[in-house]
Amino acid sequence: MLTPNNQSTINIIDAENQINISNKSESNEWKSCCYKLNPSMTKYFVQVSILSGLIVFSSVMLVKDNDCNSQRNYSSLLMICLGCFLPSPKMS
C-alpha cells in the first residue's frame, strides 16, 4: 500500500533536487549581453577596490590636514578599513 505513495514522493523529491541543482549552476554566473561574471569574484574585487580607495583617501587626508579634530575622523576611518582587511586573531 505505501509503495506507490512513497515512489511518487521520491520522484517529486528527485525532481525538486534536479531543479535545485540546475538553478544552482545557473546562479554561479551573472550574464550580460557582452560578458559573464562570477558573482563572488565580482563582489570581492568591488569590496577590495572600495576599501583601498578609502585607505588611500584617509592616508592622504591625514598627511594634508593639520586640524586635529578632522585627523581624528580620518584615522578612525583608516583603522576601520584596515580592520576589514586584516584577519582576526585566533588561538592555535
Protein backbone atom coordinates (compact mmCIF):
# COMPACT_ATOMS: atom_id res chain seq x y z
CA MET A 1 0.00 0.00 0.00
CA LEU A 2 2.70 2.50 0.86
CA THR A 3 4.97 1.68 -2.06
CA PRO A 4 3.17 3.71 -4.76
CA ASN A 5 2.87 6.73 -2.48
CA ASN A 6 6.49 6.50 -1.42
CA GLN A 7 7.68 6.15 -5.00
CA SER A 8 5.70 9.18 -6.14
CA THR A 9 7.08 11.15 -3.20
CA ILE A 10 10.59 10.08 -4.07
CA ASN A 11 10.03 11.08 -7.67
CA ILE A 12 8.82 14.50 -6.58
CA ILE A 13 11.82 14.94 -4.31
CA ASP A 14 14.14 13.84 -7.09
CA ALA A 15 12.52 16.30 -9.48
CA GLU A 16 12.93 19.10 -6.93
CA ASN A 17 16.58 18.21 -6.39
CA GLN A 18 17.21 18.28 -10.12
CA ILE A 19 15.57 21.69 -10.36
CA ASN A 20 17.65 22.96 -7.42
CA ILE A 21 20.83 21.64 -8.95
CA SER A 22 20.12 23.27 -12.29
CA ASN A 23 19.23 26.58 -10.61
CA LYS A 24 22.39 26.37 -8.52
CA SER A 25 24.59 26.01 -11.58
CA GLU A 26 22.85 28.95 -13.26
CA SER A 27 23.29 31.19 -10.22
CA ASN A 28 27.09 30.74 -10.28
CA GLU A 29 27.49 33.34 -13.01
CA TRP A 30 26.00 36.68 -13.88
CA LYS A 31 25.20 37.10 -17.54
CA SER A 32 25.01 40.30 -19.55
CA CYS A 33 24.74 40.95 -23.25
CA CYS A 34 28.53 41.03 -23.66
CA TYR A 35 30.11 39.06 -20.80
CA LYS A 36 29.70 36.56 -17.96
CA LEU A 37 30.88 37.23 -14.40
CA ASN A 38 31.46 35.13 -11.33
CA PRO A 39 29.41 36.80 -8.54
CA SER A 40 31.78 36.01 -5.67
CA MET A 41 34.82 37.28 -7.57
CA THR A 42 32.98 40.45 -8.60
CA LYS A 43 31.84 41.17 -5.04
CA TYR A 44 35.37 40.56 -3.73
CA PHE A 45 37.00 42.96 -6.20
CA VAL A 46 34.38 45.64 -5.57
CA GLN A 47 34.93 45.38 -1.80
CA VAL A 48 38.72 45.47 -2.16
CA SER A 49 38.61 48.46 -4.50
CA ILE A 50 36.28 50.46 -2.23
CA LEU A 51 38.35 49.68 0.87
CA SER A 52 41.58 50.51 -0.98
CA GLY A 53 40.12 53.82 -2.10
CA LEU A 54 39.07 54.66 1.46
CA ILE A 55 42.52 53.75 2.80
CA VAL A 56 44.25 55.95 0.23
CA PHE A 57 41.82 58.81 0.85
CA SER A 58 42.23 58.61 4.63
CA SER A 59 46.02 58.42 4.37
CA VAL A 60 46.21 61.44 2.06
CA MET A 61 43.86 63.47 4.25
CA LEU A 62 45.90 62.60 7.36
CA VAL A 63 49.04 63.96 5.68
CA LYS A 64 47.39 67.06 4.16
CA ASP A 65 45.14 68.18 7.02
CA ASN A 66 46.67 69.87 10.07
CA ASP A 67 43.49 70.09 12.16
CA CYS A 68 43.45 67.50 14.97
CA ASN A 69 39.66 67.17 15.00
CA SER A 70 39.47 66.19 11.35
CA GLN A 71 42.54 63.96 11.64
CA ARG A 72 40.72 62.02 14.34
CA ASN A 73 37.91 61.24 11.86
CA TYR A 74 40.30 60.13 9.12
CA SER A 75 42.37 57.98 11.46
CA SER A 76 39.17 56.27 12.67
CA LEU A 77 38.11 55.62 9.08
CA LEU A 78 41.58 54.28 8.30
CA MET A 79 41.53 51.89 11.27
CA ILE A 80 38.06 50.59 10.36
CA CYS A 81 39.21 49.88 6.79
CA LEU A 82 42.39 48.17 7.98
CA GLY A 83 40.31 46.11 10.40
CA CYS A 84 38.26 44.83 7.47
CA PHE A 85 41.41 43.74 5.62
CA LEU A 86 43.32 42.15 8.48
CA PRO A 87 42.23 38.74 9.75
CA SER A 88 41.04 38.43 13.33
CA PRO A 89 43.45 36.78 15.80
CA LYS A 90 42.91 33.09 16.51
CA MET A 91 44.11 30.79 19.26
CA SER A 92 46.17 27.89 17.93
